[in-house]
Amino acid sequence: MRGDPRVYETLEKLNIPFGYYEHPPVPTIDEALKYWKDIEAAHCKNLFFRNHKGDRHYLVVFHYLHQMNVKVLETMLKQGKLSFASDWRLKKYLNIEPGSISPFGLIHDTEKHVKLFLDENLQHYDRLSFHPNLNTASLVVSKSDLIRYLEATGNEWEFVKLYD
């Protein structure tokens, strides 16, 4: 299977079933839509931010059809202006490349540095889709199994409102 072997090891260890779908590299949502049409799940957009000092990092996940309002998150965090984290920060904290961002990358954050925010609207879906830390495959897991996975990583996470 394509993707990060540690993702599959962790899913197996936690007895989390998943759907597996291979596709060509899809670094953008527009390209991924061609391959998602037969996958029954909420497909998620994943963004990696840093605060203005560069000492705090946030992974933000929301349904691909929605637009996140970064000012809502900035106001909630009171960390100043947020910006996209660099490629080297993405590699350092989540051990993944741009275009493959996923909450599954949290297994590489041994210092529990990254905080995850999931859009509260994702609570309305039973199944969610993410890359296995590589954008040539997609995994579908139940929302409850994703939560079990997140609990196993030990990172802080929460459902939040990301829109006005």
N, C-alpha and C. Protein backbone atom coordinates (compact mmCIF):
# COMPACT_ATOMS: atom_id res chain seq x y z
N MET A 1 0.83 -1.18 0.00
CA MET A 1 0.00 0.00 0.00
C MET A 1 0.88 1.25 0.00
N ARG A 2 0.40 2.25 -0.68
CA ARG A 2 1.12 3.51 -0.77
C ARG A 2 0.91 4.32 0.52
N GLY A 3 1.94 5.07 0.88
CA GLY A 3 1.82 5.94 2.05
C GLY A 3 2.80 5.57 3.13
N ASP A 4 2.67 6.24 4.22
CA ASP A 4 3.55 6.11 5.37
C ASP A 4 3.30 4.79 6.10
N PRO A 5 4.28 3.89 6.16
CA PRO A 5 4.09 2.61 6.84
C PRO A 5 3.66 2.77 8.31
N ARG A 6 4.10 3.85 8.96
CA ARG A 6 3.71 4.06 10.37
C ARG A 6 2.22 4.33 10.50
N VAL A 7 1.61 4.92 9.50
CA VAL A 7 0.16 5.13 9.53
C VAL A 7 -0.53 3.77 9.58
N TYR A 8 -0.14 2.87 8.68
CA TYR A 8 -0.77 1.55 8.63
C TYR A 8 -0.49 0.74 9.89
N GLU A 9 0.72 0.83 10.41
CA GLU A 9 1.06 0.13 11.66
C GLU A 9 0.19 0.63 12.80
N THR A 10 0.00 1.93 12.88
CA THR A 10 -0.82 2.50 13.95
C THR A 10 -2.28 2.11 13.80
N LEU A 11 -2.80 2.17 12.59
CA LEU A 11 -4.19 1.76 12.36
C LEU A 11 -4.39 0.30 12.74
N GLU A 12 -3.43 -0.55 12.37
CA GLU A 12 -3.53 -1.97 12.71
C GLU A 12 -3.46 -2.16 14.23
N LYS A 13 -2.53 -1.50 14.88
CA LYS A 13 -2.38 -1.61 16.33
C LYS A 13 -3.66 -1.20 17.06
N LEU A 14 -4.34 -0.18 16.53
CA LEU A 14 -5.57 0.32 17.15
C LEU A 14 -6.83 -0.41 16.65
N ASN A 15 -6.63 -1.40 15.77
CA ASN A 15 -7.76 -2.14 15.17
C ASN A 15 -8.75 -1.20 14.48
N ILE A 16 -8.21 -0.29 13.71
CA ILE A 16 -9.04 0.67 12.99
C ILE A 16 -9.14 0.22 11.53
N PRO A 17 -10.35 -0.14 11.09
CA PRO A 17 -10.53 -0.50 9.68
C PRO A 17 -10.52 0.77 8.82
N PHE A 18 -10.15 0.61 7.56
CA PHE A 18 -10.11 1.76 6.66
C PHE A 18 -10.35 1.30 5.23
N GLY A 19 -10.86 2.23 4.44
CA GLY A 19 -10.94 2.03 3.00
C GLY A 19 -9.68 2.60 2.38
N TYR A 20 -9.17 1.93 1.36
CA TYR A 20 -7.92 2.34 0.73
C TYR A 20 -8.17 2.58 -0.75
N TYR A 21 -7.70 3.73 -1.26
CA TYR A 21 -7.90 4.10 -2.65
C TYR A 21 -6.63 4.70 -3.22
N GLU A 22 -6.10 4.09 -4.27
CA GLU A 22 -4.91 4.62 -4.95
C GLU A 22 -5.32 5.55 -6.06
N HIS A 23 -4.48 6.54 -6.33
CA HIS A 23 -4.71 7.48 -7.42
C HIS A 23 -3.38 8.15 -7.75
N PRO A 24 -3.32 8.85 -8.87
CA PRO A 24 -2.10 9.61 -9.19
C PRO A 24 -1.87 10.70 -8.13
N PRO A 25 -0.69 11.29 -8.09
CA PRO A 25 -0.45 12.38 -7.13
C PRO A 25 -1.49 13.48 -7.30
N VAL A 26 -2.06 13.92 -6.17
CA VAL A 26 -3.08 14.97 -6.20
C VAL A 26 -2.72 16.04 -5.18
N PRO A 27 -1.88 16.99 -5.57
CA PRO A 27 -1.44 18.02 -4.64
C PRO A 27 -2.49 19.09 -4.36
N THR A 28 -3.56 19.13 -5.17
CA THR A 28 -4.60 20.13 -4.94
C THR A 28 -5.97 19.46 -4.89
N ILE A 29 -6.91 20.14 -4.27
CA ILE A 29 -8.28 19.64 -4.19
C ILE A 29 -8.88 19.47 -5.59
N ASP A 30 -8.65 20.44 -6.45
CA ASP A 30 -9.21 20.36 -7.81
C ASP A 30 -8.80 19.08 -8.52
N GLU A 31 -7.54 18.70 -8.37
CA GLU A 31 -7.06 17.47 -9.00
C GLU A 31 -7.63 16.24 -8.30
N ALA A 32 -7.76 16.31 -6.99
CA ALA A 32 -8.26 15.16 -6.23
C ALA A 32 -9.72 14.85 -6.54
N LEU A 33 -10.49 15.87 -6.86
CA LEU A 33 -11.93 15.67 -7.11
C LEU A 33 -12.19 14.62 -8.18
N LYS A 34 -11.31 14.52 -9.16
CA LYS A 34 -11.48 13.51 -10.22
C LYS A 34 -11.47 12.09 -9.66
N TYR A 35 -10.74 11.88 -8.58
CA TYR A 35 -10.55 10.53 -8.04
C TYR A 35 -11.43 10.26 -6.83
N TRP A 36 -12.02 11.28 -6.27
CA TRP A 36 -12.87 11.14 -5.09
C TRP A 36 -14.31 10.80 -5.43
N LYS A 37 -14.69 10.92 -6.70
CA LYS A 37 -16.11 10.83 -7.06
C LYS A 37 -16.78 9.54 -6.59
N ASP A 38 -16.04 8.44 -6.49
CA ASP A 38 -16.64 7.17 -6.08
C ASP A 38 -16.36 6.81 -4.62
N ILE A 39 -15.77 7.71 -3.88
CA ILE A 39 -15.43 7.45 -2.48
C ILE A 39 -16.48 8.13 -1.60
N GLU A 40 -17.19 7.33 -0.83
CA GLU A 40 -18.23 7.86 0.05
C GLU A 40 -17.64 8.27 1.38
N ALA A 41 -17.30 9.55 1.46
CA ALA A 41 -16.72 10.12 2.69
C ALA A 41 -16.66 11.62 2.53
N ALA A 42 -16.52 12.30 3.66
CA ALA A 42 -16.27 13.74 3.63
C ALA A 42 -14.78 13.91 3.34
N HIS A 43 -14.48 14.57 2.26
CA HIS A 43 -13.08 14.79 1.89
C HIS A 43 -12.61 16.09 2.52
N CYS A 44 -11.45 16.02 3.11
CA CYS A 44 -10.99 17.13 3.95
C CYS A 44 -9.83 17.88 3.34
N LYS A 45 -9.83 19.16 3.62
CA LYS A 45 -8.70 20.02 3.28
C LYS A 45 -7.90 20.18 4.57
N ASN A 46 -6.60 20.13 4.46
CA ASN A 46 -5.71 20.18 5.62
C ASN A 46 -4.68 21.27 5.41
N LEU A 47 -4.63 22.23 6.33
CA LEU A 47 -3.70 23.35 6.23
C LEU A 47 -2.81 23.38 7.46
N PHE A 48 -1.56 23.75 7.26
CA PHE A 48 -0.58 23.78 8.35
C PHE A 48 -0.11 25.22 8.53
N PHE A 49 -0.37 25.78 9.72
CA PHE A 49 -0.06 27.17 10.02
C PHE A 49 0.98 27.29 11.12
N ARG A 50 1.57 28.47 11.18
CA ARG A 50 2.46 28.84 12.28
C ARG A 50 2.03 30.21 12.78
N ASN A 51 2.32 30.49 14.04
CA ASN A 51 2.04 31.83 14.54
C ASN A 51 3.13 32.78 14.07
N HIS A 52 2.98 34.07 14.38
CA HIS A 52 3.94 35.06 13.87
C HIS A 52 5.34 34.89 14.43
N LYS A 53 5.47 34.32 15.62
CA LYS A 53 6.79 34.08 16.21
C LYS A 53 7.43 32.80 15.67
N GLY A 54 6.61 31.92 15.11
CA GLY A 54 7.11 30.65 14.59
C GLY A 54 7.34 29.60 15.66
N ASP A 55 6.80 29.84 16.87
CA ASP A 55 7.01 28.87 17.95
C ASP A 55 5.77 28.02 18.25
N ARG A 56 4.68 28.24 17.52
CA ARG A 56 3.47 27.44 17.67
C ARG A 56 2.99 27.04 16.28
N HIS A 57 2.52 25.79 16.15
CA HIS A 57 2.08 25.28 14.86
C HIS A 57 0.72 24.62 15.00
N TYR A 58 -0.09 24.79 13.97
CA TYR A 58 -1.48 24.34 14.00
C TYR A 58 -1.84 23.63 12.70
N LEU A 59 -2.41 22.46 12.85
CA LEU A 59 -2.97 21.74 11.71
C LEU A 59 -4.48 21.98 11.75
N VAL A 60 -5.03 22.44 10.64
CA VAL A 60 -6.44 22.79 10.58
C VAL A 60 -7.09 21.94 9.49
N VAL A 61 -8.19 21.26 9.86
CA VAL A 61 -8.87 20.33 8.96
C VAL A 61 -10.32 20.75 8.81
N PHE A 62 -10.79 20.82 7.56
CA PHE A 62 -12.18 21.17 7.30
C PHE A 62 -12.63 20.54 5.99
N HIS A 63 -13.94 20.47 5.79
CA HIS A 63 -14.50 19.89 4.57
C HIS A 63 -14.03 20.71 3.38
N TYR A 64 -13.65 20.03 2.30
CA TYR A 64 -13.08 20.72 1.15
C TYR A 64 -14.04 21.72 0.49
N LEU A 65 -15.34 21.56 0.69
CA LEU A 65 -16.30 22.49 0.09
C LEU A 65 -16.43 23.80 0.86
N HIS A 66 -15.89 23.84 2.06
CA HIS A 66 -16.00 25.05 2.89
C HIS A 66 -14.75 25.90 2.77
N GLN A 67 -14.90 27.15 3.09
CA GLN A 67 -13.77 28.06 3.14
C GLN A 67 -13.54 28.46 4.59
N MET A 68 -12.36 28.23 5.07
CA MET A 68 -12.00 28.60 6.43
C MET A 68 -11.72 30.10 6.50
N ASN A 69 -12.11 30.73 7.60
CA ASN A 69 -11.79 32.13 7.83
C ASN A 69 -10.63 32.18 8.82
N VAL A 70 -9.43 32.44 8.34
CA VAL A 70 -8.25 32.41 9.20
C VAL A 70 -8.34 33.45 10.32
N LYS A 71 -9.06 34.54 10.10
CA LYS A 71 -9.20 35.56 11.15
C LYS A 71 -9.97 35.02 12.35
N VAL A 72 -10.90 34.11 12.12
CA VAL A 72 -11.63 33.48 13.22
C VAL A 72 -10.65 32.70 14.09
N LEU A 73 -9.76 31.95 13.46
CA LEU A 73 -8.77 31.18 14.20
C LEU A 73 -7.76 32.10 14.90
N GLU A 74 -7.33 33.16 14.23
CA GLU A 74 -6.39 34.11 14.84
C GLU A 74 -7.00 34.74 16.09
N THR A 75 -8.27 35.11 16.02
CA THR A 75 -8.95 35.71 17.17
C THR A 75 -9.05 34.71 18.31
N MET A 76 -9.39 33.49 18.00
CA MET A 76 -9.53 32.45 19.02
C MET A 76 -8.18 32.16 19.70
N LEU A 77 -7.11 32.10 18.93
CA LEU A 77 -5.80 31.72 19.47
C LEU A 77 -5.07 32.85 20.17
N LYS A 78 -5.35 34.09 19.75
CA LYS A 78 -4.64 35.25 20.32
C LYS A 78 -3.12 35.08 20.20
N GLN A 79 -2.68 34.60 19.06
CA GLN A 79 -1.26 34.38 18.79
C GLN A 79 -0.74 35.34 17.72
N GLY A 80 -1.53 36.34 17.39
CA GLY A 80 -1.14 37.23 16.31
C GLY A 80 -1.52 36.64 14.96
N LYS A 81 -0.92 37.19 13.94
CA LYS A 81 -1.21 36.76 12.57
C LYS A 81 -0.66 35.36 12.32
N LEU A 82 -1.50 34.51 11.71
CA LEU A 82 -1.06 33.18 11.32
C LEU A 82 -0.63 33.21 9.86
N SER A 83 0.33 32.38 9.53
CA SER A 83 0.73 32.22 8.13
C SER A 83 0.98 30.74 7.87
N PHE A 84 1.01 30.39 6.59
CA PHE A 84 1.30 29.00 6.26
C PHE A 84 2.71 28.67 6.71
N ALA A 85 2.87 27.51 7.31
CA ALA A 85 4.19 27.07 7.75
C ALA A 85 5.00 26.64 6.52
N SER A 86 6.29 26.79 6.61
CA SER A 86 7.18 26.45 5.49
C SER A 86 7.24 24.93 5.28
N ASP A 87 7.77 24.55 4.14
CA ASP A 87 7.93 23.13 3.82
C ASP A 87 8.83 22.44 4.84
N TRP A 88 9.90 23.12 5.27
CA TRP A 88 10.80 22.47 6.22
C TRP A 88 10.14 22.29 7.58
N ARG A 89 9.23 23.19 7.98
CA ARG A 89 8.49 23.03 9.23
C ARG A 89 7.52 21.86 9.11
N LEU A 90 6.89 21.73 7.97
CA LEU A 90 5.99 20.62 7.72
C LEU A 90 6.75 19.29 7.84
N LYS A 91 7.93 19.25 7.27
CA LYS A 91 8.76 18.04 7.34
C LYS A 91 9.24 17.79 8.78
N LYS A 92 9.65 18.86 9.46
CA LYS A 92 10.17 18.72 10.83
C LYS A 92 9.12 18.20 11.80
N TYR A 93 7.92 18.76 11.76
CA TYR A 93 6.91 18.41 12.76
C TYR A 93 6.01 17.24 12.38
N LEU A 94 5.72 17.10 11.07
CA LEU A 94 4.79 16.03 10.67
C LEU A 94 5.42 15.00 9.74
N ASN A 95 6.64 15.25 9.32
CA ASN A 95 7.38 14.36 8.43
C ASN A 95 6.61 14.08 7.14
N ILE A 96 6.01 15.13 6.58
CA ILE A 96 5.31 14.98 5.32
C ILE A 96 5.65 16.13 4.38
N GLU A 97 5.39 15.91 3.11
CA GLU A 97 5.67 16.89 2.06
C GLU A 97 4.42 17.71 1.76
N PRO A 98 4.59 18.90 1.20
CA PRO A 98 3.42 19.69 0.78
C PRO A 98 2.55 18.87 -0.18
N GLY A 99 1.26 19.06 -0.07
CA GLY A 99 0.32 18.31 -0.91
C GLY A 99 -0.11 17.00 -0.29
N SER A 100 0.51 16.61 0.80
CA SER A 100 0.18 15.35 1.47
C SER A 100 -0.22 15.55 2.93
N ILE A 101 -0.52 16.78 3.30
CA ILE A 101 -0.83 17.11 4.69
C ILE A 101 -2.04 16.31 5.16
N SER A 102 -1.94 15.78 6.38
CA SER A 102 -2.97 14.91 6.92
C SER A 102 -2.82 14.83 8.44
N PRO A 103 -3.92 14.62 9.16
CA PRO A 103 -3.79 14.39 10.60
C PRO A 103 -2.99 13.12 10.91
N PHE A 104 -2.85 12.24 9.94
CA PHE A 104 -2.04 11.04 10.17
C PHE A 104 -0.58 11.41 10.41
N GLY A 105 -0.16 12.59 9.98
CA GLY A 105 1.21 13.04 10.21
C GLY A 105 1.53 13.29 11.67
N LEU A 106 0.51 13.42 12.50
CA LEU A 106 0.74 13.67 13.93
C LEU A 106 1.52 12.55 14.61
N ILE A 107 1.54 11.36 14.04
CA ILE A 107 2.31 10.27 14.65
C ILE A 107 3.80 10.58 14.67
N HIS A 108 4.24 11.51 13.85
CA HIS A 108 5.66 11.88 13.81
C HIS A 108 5.99 13.05 14.74
N ASP A 109 5.00 13.66 15.34
CA ASP A 109 5.21 14.79 16.23
C ASP A 109 5.47 14.27 17.64
N THR A 110 6.65 13.77 17.86
CA THR A 110 6.98 13.13 19.14
C THR A 110 6.96 14.10 20.31
N GLU A 111 7.15 15.39 20.04
CA GLU A 111 7.13 16.39 21.11
C GLU A 111 5.73 16.95 21.37
N LYS A 112 4.76 16.49 20.61
CA LYS A 112 3.35 16.94 20.75
C LYS A 112 3.27 18.45 20.61
N HIS A 113 3.99 18.97 19.65
CA HIS A 113 4.10 20.41 19.42
C HIS A 113 2.89 20.96 18.66
N VAL A 114 2.38 20.20 17.70
CA VAL A 114 1.31 20.67 16.81
C VAL A 114 -0.05 20.46 17.45
N LYS A 115 -0.87 21.51 17.41
CA LYS A 115 -2.25 21.40 17.87
C LYS A 115 -3.15 21.27 16.65
N LEU A 116 -4.12 20.37 16.73
CA LEU A 116 -5.03 20.11 15.64
C LEU A 116 -6.38 20.74 15.91
N PHE A 117 -6.90 21.43 14.89
CA PHE A 117 -8.26 21.97 14.94
C PHE A 117 -9.06 21.32 13.83
N LEU A 118 -10.16 20.69 14.22
CA LEU A 118 -11.09 20.10 13.26
C LEU A 118 -12.32 20.98 13.21
N ASP A 119 -12.76 21.31 12.01
CA ASP A 119 -13.97 22.11 11.89
C ASP A 119 -15.14 21.36 12.52
N GLU A 120 -15.94 22.08 13.30
CA GLU A 120 -17.06 21.45 14.00
C GLU A 120 -18.05 20.80 13.04
N ASN A 121 -18.14 21.26 11.80
CA ASN A 121 -19.05 20.67 10.82
C ASN A 121 -18.67 19.24 10.47
N LEU A 122 -17.43 18.84 10.68
CA LEU A 122 -17.03 17.47 10.39
C LEU A 122 -17.70 16.47 11.33
N GLN A 123 -18.23 16.95 12.43
CA GLN A 123 -18.94 16.06 13.35
C GLN A 123 -20.21 15.50 12.73
N HIS A 124 -20.68 16.09 11.64
CA HIS A 124 -21.91 15.65 10.98
C HIS A 124 -21.68 14.52 9.98
N TYR A 125 -20.44 14.12 9.79
CA TYR A 125 -20.11 13.07 8.83
C TYR A 125 -19.67 11.80 9.55
N ASP A 126 -20.07 10.67 9.02
CA ASP A 126 -19.68 9.39 9.62
C ASP A 126 -18.31 8.93 9.16
N ARG A 127 -17.94 9.28 7.92
CA ARG A 127 -16.68 8.81 7.34
C ARG A 127 -15.89 10.00 6.78
N LEU A 128 -14.58 9.97 7.03
CA LEU A 128 -13.69 11.07 6.61
C LEU A 128 -12.54 10.50 5.79
N SER A 129 -12.05 11.28 4.85
CA SER A 129 -10.99 10.84 3.95
C SER A 129 -9.75 11.72 4.10
N PHE A 130 -8.59 11.04 4.17
CA PHE A 130 -7.30 11.73 4.29
C PHE A 130 -6.23 10.95 3.53
N HIS A 131 -5.16 11.64 3.14
CA HIS A 131 -3.99 10.95 2.58
C HIS A 131 -3.26 10.22 3.70
N PRO A 132 -2.66 9.07 3.39
CA PRO A 132 -1.81 8.38 4.37
C PRO A 132 -0.40 8.97 4.38
N ASN A 133 -0.34 10.31 4.48
CA ASN A 133 0.90 11.09 4.46
C ASN A 133 1.62 11.03 3.12
N LEU A 134 0.89 10.67 2.09
CA LEU A 134 1.40 10.66 0.72
C LEU A 134 0.20 10.88 -0.19
N ASN A 135 0.33 11.79 -1.15
CA ASN A 135 -0.84 12.17 -1.94
C ASN A 135 -1.13 11.27 -3.14
N THR A 136 -0.68 10.03 -3.10
CA THR A 136 -1.01 9.06 -4.15
C THR A 136 -1.98 7.99 -3.65
N ALA A 137 -2.59 8.25 -2.51
CA ALA A 137 -3.61 7.34 -1.97
C ALA A 137 -4.48 8.13 -1.01
N SER A 138 -5.66 7.61 -0.77
CA SER A 138 -6.58 8.18 0.22
C SER A 138 -7.08 7.06 1.11
N LEU A 139 -7.21 7.36 2.38
CA LEU A 139 -7.78 6.42 3.35
C LEU A 139 -9.08 6.99 3.87
N VAL A 140 -10.05 6.12 4.07
CA VAL A 140 -11.33 6.52 4.65
C VAL A 140 -11.48 5.81 5.98
N VAL A 141 -11.73 6.60 7.02
CA VAL A 141 -11.95 6.05 8.36
C VAL A 141 -13.23 6.65 8.93
N SER A 142 -13.80 5.94 9.88
CA SER A 142 -14.98 6.51 10.54
C SER A 142 -14.53 7.67 11.42
N LYS A 143 -15.45 8.58 11.67
CA LYS A 143 -15.14 9.74 12.53
C LYS A 143 -14.71 9.25 13.92
N SER A 144 -15.40 8.26 14.46
CA SER A 144 -15.04 7.77 15.79
C SER A 144 -13.66 7.12 15.79
N ASP A 145 -13.29 6.44 14.71
CA ASP A 145 -11.95 5.85 14.63
C ASP A 145 -10.88 6.92 14.45
N LEU A 146 -11.20 7.98 13.73
CA LEU A 146 -10.25 9.08 13.63
C LEU A 146 -9.98 9.66 15.02
N ILE A 147 -11.01 9.82 15.80
CA ILE A 147 -10.84 10.35 17.15
C ILE A 147 -9.98 9.41 17.99
N ARG A 148 -10.18 8.11 17.85
CA ARG A 148 -9.32 7.15 18.57
C ARG A 148 -7.87 7.29 18.12
N TYR A 149 -7.66 7.48 16.83
CA TYR A 149 -6.32 7.68 16.29
C TYR A 149 -5.69 8.94 16.90
N LEU A 150 -6.47 10.02 16.92
CA LEU A 150 -5.96 11.27 17.47
C LEU A 150 -5.62 11.14 18.95
N GLU A 151 -6.46 10.45 19.69
CA GLU A 151 -6.18 10.22 21.11
C GLU A 151 -4.87 9.46 21.28
N ALA A 152 -4.60 8.53 20.36
CA ALA A 152 -3.37 7.73 20.45
C ALA A 152 -2.13 8.57 20.17
N THR A 153 -2.26 9.63 19.36
CA THR A 153 -1.08 10.46 19.06
C THR A 153 -0.65 11.27 20.27
N GLY A 154 -1.61 11.64 21.11
CA GLY A 154 -1.29 12.45 22.28
C GLY A 154 -1.24 13.94 22.02
N ASN A 155 -1.44 14.37 20.79
CA ASN A 155 -1.48 15.80 20.48
C ASN A 155 -2.79 16.41 20.97
N GLU A 156 -2.74 17.69 21.29
CA GLU A 156 -3.98 18.41 21.61
C GLU A 156 -4.80 18.54 20.34
N TRP A 157 -6.10 18.39 20.48
CA TRP A 157 -6.99 18.59 19.34
C TRP A 157 -8.37 18.97 19.85
N GLU A 158 -9.14 19.61 18.98
CA GLU A 158 -10.50 19.95 19.34
C GLU A 158 -11.30 20.32 18.10
N PHE A 159 -12.62 20.17 18.23
CA PHE A 159 -13.53 20.65 17.19
C PHE A 159 -13.78 22.12 17.47
N VAL A 160 -13.71 22.96 16.44
CA VAL A 160 -13.92 24.40 16.59
C VAL A 160 -14.72 24.93 15.40
N LYS A 161 -15.30 26.10 15.59
CA LYS A 161 -15.98 26.79 14.50
C LYS A 161 -14.96 27.59 13.72
N LEU A 162 -14.83 27.31 12.43
CA LEU A 162 -13.82 27.96 11.59
C LEU A 162 -14.39 28.98 10.63
N TYR A 163 -15.68 29.29 10.77
CA TYR A 163 -16.35 30.23 9.87
C TYR A 163 -17.02 31.30 10.70
N ASP A 164 -17.31 32.42 10.07
CA ASP A 164 -18.06 33.49 10.74
C ASP A 164 -19.46 33.04 11.05
